Amino acid sequence: MFQALIFAITIFIGWVIFDGIKHKKIIIENVWAGLVAAIIAGVFWYILFIIF
């Protein structure tokens, strides 16, 4: 569970940094998109951890 949480946080931070560099500013829609992507990635990572 801890690995999935760290993975999701890393995805979120990377997403926000990448979009911030790409658009030259932080847009709230991109933050929400990063949060959704991080949650989905974290859940998927946790499911893979349980299966394997």
PDB file of N, CA and C in Angstrom:
ATOM      1  N   MET A   1       0.825  -1.192   0.000  1.00  0.00           N
ATOM      2  CA  MET A   1       0.000   0.000   0.000  1.00  0.00           C
ATOM      3  C   MET A   1       0.869   1.256   0.000  1.00  0.00           C
ATOM      4  N   PHE A   2       1.938   1.219   0.782  1.00  0.00           N
ATOM      5  CA  PHE A   2       2.819   2.387   0.867  1.00  0.00           C
ATOM      6  C   PHE A   2       3.463   2.679  -0.485  1.00  0.00           C
ATOM      7  N   GLN A   3       3.851   1.626  -1.215  1.00  0.00           N
ATOM      8  CA  GLN A   3       4.462   1.812  -2.534  1.00  0.00           C
ATOM      9  C   GLN A   3       3.481   2.468  -3.500  1.00  0.00           C
ATOM     10  N   ALA A   4       2.223   2.065  -3.460  1.00  0.00           N
ATOM     11  CA  ALA A   4       1.208   2.645  -4.340  1.00  0.00           C
ATOM     12  C   ALA A   4       0.990   4.118  -4.006  1.00  0.00           C
ATOM     13  N   LEU A   5       1.011   4.456  -2.732  1.00  0.00           N
ATOM     14  CA  LEU A   5       0.840   5.841  -2.316  1.00  0.00           C
ATOM     15  C   LEU A   5       2.004   6.710  -2.794  1.00  0.00           C
ATOM     16  N   ILE A   6       3.211   6.228  -2.612  1.00  0.00           N
ATOM     17  CA  ILE A   6       4.392   6.965  -3.073  1.00  0.00           C
ATOM     18  C   ILE A   6       4.366   7.113  -4.594  1.00  0.00           C
ATOM     19  N   PHE A   7       3.965   6.055  -5.296  1.00  0.00           N
ATOM     20  CA  PHE A   7       3.869   6.105  -6.754  1.00  0.00           C
ATOM     21  C   PHE A   7       2.848   7.154  -7.191  1.00  0.00           C
ATOM     22  N   ALA A   8       1.691   7.193  -6.544  1.00  0.00           N
ATOM     23  CA  ALA A   8       0.654   8.164  -6.898  1.00  0.00           C
ATOM     24  C   ALA A   8       1.114   9.590  -6.625  1.00  0.00           C
ATOM     25  N   ILE A   9       1.777   9.815  -5.517  1.00  0.00           N
ATOM     26  CA  ILE A   9       2.281  11.148  -5.203  1.00  0.00           C
ATOM     27  C   ILE A   9       3.322  11.587  -6.230  1.00  0.00           C
ATOM     28  N   THR A  10       4.188  10.654  -6.622  1.00  0.00           N
ATOM     29  CA  THR A  10       5.212  10.961  -7.622  1.00  0.00           C
ATOM     30  C   THR A  10       4.591  11.300  -8.972  1.00  0.00           C
ATOM     31  N   ILE A  11       3.579  10.540  -9.371  1.00  0.00           N
ATOM     32  CA  ILE A  11       2.878  10.820 -10.629  1.00  0.00           C
ATOM     33  C   ILE A  11       2.252  12.211 -10.572  1.00  0.00           C
ATOM     34  N   PHE A  12       1.602  12.541  -9.461  1.00  0.00           N
ATOM     35  CA  PHE A  12       0.949  13.844  -9.328  1.00  0.00           C
ATOM     36  C   PHE A  12       1.948  14.985  -9.412  1.00  0.00           C
ATOM     37  N   ILE A  13       3.029  14.884  -8.668  1.00  0.00           N
ATOM     38  CA  ILE A  13       4.035  15.947  -8.673  1.00  0.00           C
ATOM     39  C   ILE A  13       4.668  16.093 -10.057  1.00  0.00           C
ATOM     40  N   GLY A  14       4.994  14.968 -10.683  1.00  0.00           N
ATOM     41  CA  GLY A  14       5.573  15.015 -12.023  1.00  0.00           C
ATOM     42  C   GLY A  14       4.629  15.619 -13.036  1.00  0.00           C
ATOM     43  N   TRP A  15       3.352  15.266 -12.937  1.00  0.00           N
ATOM     44  CA  TRP A  15       2.343  15.794 -13.863  1.00  0.00           C
ATOM     45  C   TRP A  15       2.232  17.313 -13.726  1.00  0.00           C
ATOM     46  N   VAL A  16       2.159  17.789 -12.492  1.00  0.00           N
ATOM     47  CA  VAL A  16       2.015  19.227 -12.250  1.00  0.00           C
ATOM     48  C   VAL A  16       3.270  19.983 -12.702  1.00  0.00           C
ATOM     49  N   ILE A  17       4.435  19.445 -12.422  1.00  0.00           N
ATOM     50  CA  ILE A  17       5.676  20.098 -12.848  1.00  0.00           C
ATOM     51  C   ILE A  17       5.755  20.134 -14.377  1.00  0.00           C
ATOM     52  N   PHE A  18       5.447  19.004 -15.023  1.00  0.00           N
ATOM     53  CA  PHE A  18       5.502  18.950 -16.484  1.00  0.00           C
ATOM     54  C   PHE A  18       4.536  19.958 -17.109  1.00  0.00           C
ATOM     55  N   ASP A  19       3.293  20.002 -16.615  1.00  0.00           N
ATOM     56  CA  ASP A  19       2.329  20.960 -17.162  1.00  0.00           C
ATOM     57  C   ASP A  19       2.712  22.397 -16.837  1.00  0.00           C
ATOM     58  N   GLY A  20       3.299  22.621 -15.675  1.00  0.00           N
ATOM     59  CA  GLY A  20       3.749  23.967 -15.331  1.00  0.00           C
ATOM     60  C   GLY A  20       4.837  24.465 -16.261  1.00  0.00           C
ATOM     61  N   ILE A  21       5.753  23.576 -16.617  1.00  0.00           N
ATOM     62  CA  ILE A  21       6.819  23.949 -17.551  1.00  0.00           C
ATOM     63  C   ILE A  21       6.246  24.135 -18.955  1.00  0.00           C
ATOM     64  N   LYS A  22       5.333  23.244 -19.327  1.00  0.00           N
ATOM     65  CA  LYS A  22       4.757  23.274 -20.674  1.00  0.00           C
ATOM     66  C   LYS A  22       3.924  24.532 -20.914  1.00  0.00           C
ATOM     67  N   HIS A  23       3.104  24.926 -19.930  1.00  0.00           N
ATOM     68  CA  HIS A  23       2.200  26.067 -20.092  1.00  0.00           C
ATOM     69  C   HIS A  23       2.730  27.348 -19.470  1.00  0.00           C
ATOM     70  N   LYS A  24       3.878  27.286 -18.838  1.00  0.00           N
ATOM     71  CA  LYS A  24       4.515  28.437 -18.188  1.00  0.00           C
ATOM     72  C   LYS A  24       3.735  28.965 -16.982  1.00  0.00           C
ATOM     73  N   LYS A  25       2.707  28.228 -16.553  1.00  0.00           N
ATOM     74  CA  LYS A  25       1.976  28.576 -15.335  1.00  0.00           C
ATOM     75  C   LYS A  25       1.183  27.344 -14.888  1.00  0.00           C
ATOM     76  N   ILE A  26       0.780  27.371 -13.638  1.00  0.00           N
ATOM     77  CA  ILE A  26      -0.004  26.267 -13.082  1.00  0.00           C
ATOM     78  C   ILE A  26      -1.481  26.580 -13.301  1.00  0.00           C
ATOM     79  N   ILE A  27      -2.161  25.695 -14.017  1.00  0.00           N
ATOM     80  CA  ILE A  27      -3.583  25.860 -14.303  1.00  0.00           C
ATOM     81  C   ILE A  27      -4.348  24.849 -13.453  1.00  0.00           C
ATOM     82  N   ILE A  28      -5.439  25.280 -12.816  1.00  0.00           N
ATOM     83  CA  ILE A  28      -6.165  24.418 -11.887  1.00  0.00           C
ATOM     84  C   ILE A  28      -6.705  23.166 -12.575  1.00  0.00           C
ATOM     85  N   GLU A  29      -7.077  23.266 -13.858  1.00  0.00           N
ATOM     86  CA  GLU A  29      -7.563  22.092 -14.577  1.00  0.00           C
ATOM     87  C   GLU A  29      -6.470  21.039 -14.720  1.00  0.00           C
ATOM     88  N   ASN A  30      -5.232  21.491 -14.915  1.00  0.00           N
ATOM     89  CA  ASN A  30      -4.120  20.557 -15.021  1.00  0.00           C
ATOM     90  C   ASN A  30      -3.805  19.910 -13.676  1.00  0.00           C
ATOM     91  N   VAL A  31      -4.007  20.640 -12.601  1.00  0.00           N
ATOM     92  CA  VAL A  31      -3.802  20.066 -11.272  1.00  0.00           C
ATOM     93  C   VAL A  31      -4.839  18.973 -11.022  1.00  0.00           C
ATOM     94  N   TRP A  32      -6.092  19.236 -11.385  1.00  0.00           N
ATOM     95  CA  TRP A  32      -7.140  18.215 -11.226  1.00  0.00           C
ATOM     96  C   TRP A  32      -6.859  17.008 -12.114  1.00  0.00           C
ATOM     97  N   ALA A  33      -6.416  17.249 -13.344  1.00  0.00           N
ATOM     98  CA  ALA A  33      -6.087  16.143 -14.246  1.00  0.00           C
ATOM     99  C   ALA A  33      -4.943  15.306 -13.675  1.00  0.00           C
ATOM    100  N   GLY A  34      -3.959  15.968 -13.104  1.00  0.00           N
ATOM    101  CA  GLY A  34      -2.851  15.253 -12.473  1.00  0.00           C
ATOM    102  C   GLY A  34      -3.299  14.450 -11.271  1.00  0.00           C
ATOM    103  N   LEU A  35      -4.232  15.014 -10.508  1.00  0.00           N
ATOM    104  CA  LEU A  35      -4.750  14.297  -9.343  1.00  0.00           C
ATOM    105  C   LEU A  35      -5.525  13.051  -9.757  1.00  0.00           C
ATOM    106  N   VAL A  36      -6.353  13.192 -10.773  1.00  0.00           N
ATOM    107  CA  VAL A  36      -7.116  12.035 -11.269  1.00  0.00           C
ATOM    108  C   VAL A  36      -6.165  10.969 -11.818  1.00  0.00           C
ATOM    109  N   ALA A  37      -5.183  11.387 -12.597  1.00  0.00           N
ATOM    110  CA  ALA A  37      -4.214  10.435 -13.146  1.00  0.00           C
ATOM    111  C   ALA A  37      -3.434   9.740 -12.037  1.00  0.00           C
ATOM    112  N   ALA A  38      -3.080  10.480 -11.003  1.00  0.00           N
ATOM    113  CA  ALA A  38      -2.337   9.897  -9.885  1.00  0.00           C
ATOM    114  C   ALA A  38      -3.192   8.886  -9.122  1.00  0.00           C
ATOM    115  N   ILE A  39      -4.454   9.192  -8.918  1.00  0.00           N
ATOM    116  CA  ILE A  39      -5.330   8.266  -8.209  1.00  0.00           C
ATOM    117  C   ILE A  39      -5.512   6.978  -9.016  1.00  0.00           C
ATOM    118  N   ILE A  40      -5.744   7.126 -10.314  1.00  0.00           N
ATOM    119  CA  ILE A  40      -5.905   5.943 -11.167  1.00  0.00           C
ATOM    120  C   ILE A  40      -4.619   5.120 -11.187  1.00  0.00           C
ATOM    121  N   ALA A  41      -3.481   5.773 -11.322  1.00  0.00           N
ATOM    122  CA  ALA A  41      -2.199   5.069 -11.343  1.00  0.00           C
ATOM    123  C   ALA A  41      -1.934   4.377 -10.008  1.00  0.00           C
ATOM    124  N   GLY A  42      -2.246   5.038  -8.906  1.00  0.00           N
ATOM    125  CA  GLY A  42      -2.042   4.436  -7.592  1.00  0.00           C
ATOM    126  C   GLY A  42      -2.923   3.219  -7.365  1.00  0.00           C
ATOM    127  N   VAL A  43      -4.175   3.305  -7.773  1.00  0.00           N
ATOM    128  CA  VAL A  43      -5.088   2.165  -7.637  1.00  0.00           C
ATOM    129  C   VAL A  43      -4.607   1.007  -8.502  1.00  0.00           C
ATOM    130  N   PHE A  44      -4.222   1.300  -9.740  1.00  0.00           N
ATOM    131  CA  PHE A  44      -3.734   0.259 -10.632  1.00  0.00           C
ATOM    132  C   PHE A  44      -2.474  -0.396 -10.070  1.00  0.00           C
ATOM    133  N   TRP A  45      -1.560   0.415  -9.543  1.00  0.00           N
ATOM    134  CA  TRP A  45      -0.327  -0.110  -8.954  1.00  0.00           C
ATOM    135  C   TRP A  45      -0.647  -1.003  -7.756  1.00  0.00           C
ATOM    136  N   TYR A  46      -1.613  -0.607  -6.931  1.00  0.00           N
ATOM    137  CA  TYR A  46      -1.999  -1.402  -5.775  1.00  0.00           C
ATOM    138  C   TYR A  46      -2.622  -2.738  -6.203  1.00  0.00           C
ATOM    139  N   ILE A  47      -3.447  -2.711  -7.259  1.00  0.00           N
ATOM    140  CA  ILE A  47      -4.041  -3.933  -7.770  1.00  0.00           C
ATOM    141  C   ILE A  47      -2.948  -4.869  -8.292  1.00  0.00           C
ATOM    142  N   LEU A  48      -1.995  -4.323  -9.021  1.00  0.00           N
ATOM    143  CA  LEU A  48      -0.876  -5.153  -9.496  1.00  0.00           C
ATOM    144  C   LEU A  48      -0.085  -5.720  -8.333  1.00  0.00           C
ATOM    145  N   PHE A  49       0.094  -4.950  -7.278  1.00  0.00           N
ATOM    146  CA  PHE A  49       0.817  -5.413  -6.101  1.00  0.00           C
ATOM    147  C   PHE A  49       0.088  -6.576  -5.433  1.00  0.00           C
ATOM    148  N   ILE A  50      -1.247  -6.505  -5.380  1.00  0.00           N
ATOM    149  CA  ILE A  50      -2.029  -7.571  -4.769  1.00  0.00           C
ATOM    150  C   ILE A  50      -1.969  -8.843  -5.625  1.00  0.00           C
ATOM    151  N   ILE A  51      -2.078  -8.670  -6.938  1.00  0.00           N
ATOM    152  CA  ILE A  51      -2.103  -9.838  -7.836  1.00  0.00           C
ATOM    153  C   ILE A  51      -0.754 -10.558  -7.853  1.00  0.00           C
ATOM    154  N   PHE A  52       0.322  -9.799  -7.949  1.00  0.00           N
ATOM    155  CA  PHE A  52       1.641 -10.414  -8.052  1.00  0.00           C
ATOM    156  C   PHE A  52       2.344 -10.337  -6.731  1.00  0.00           C
TER     157      PHE A  52
END
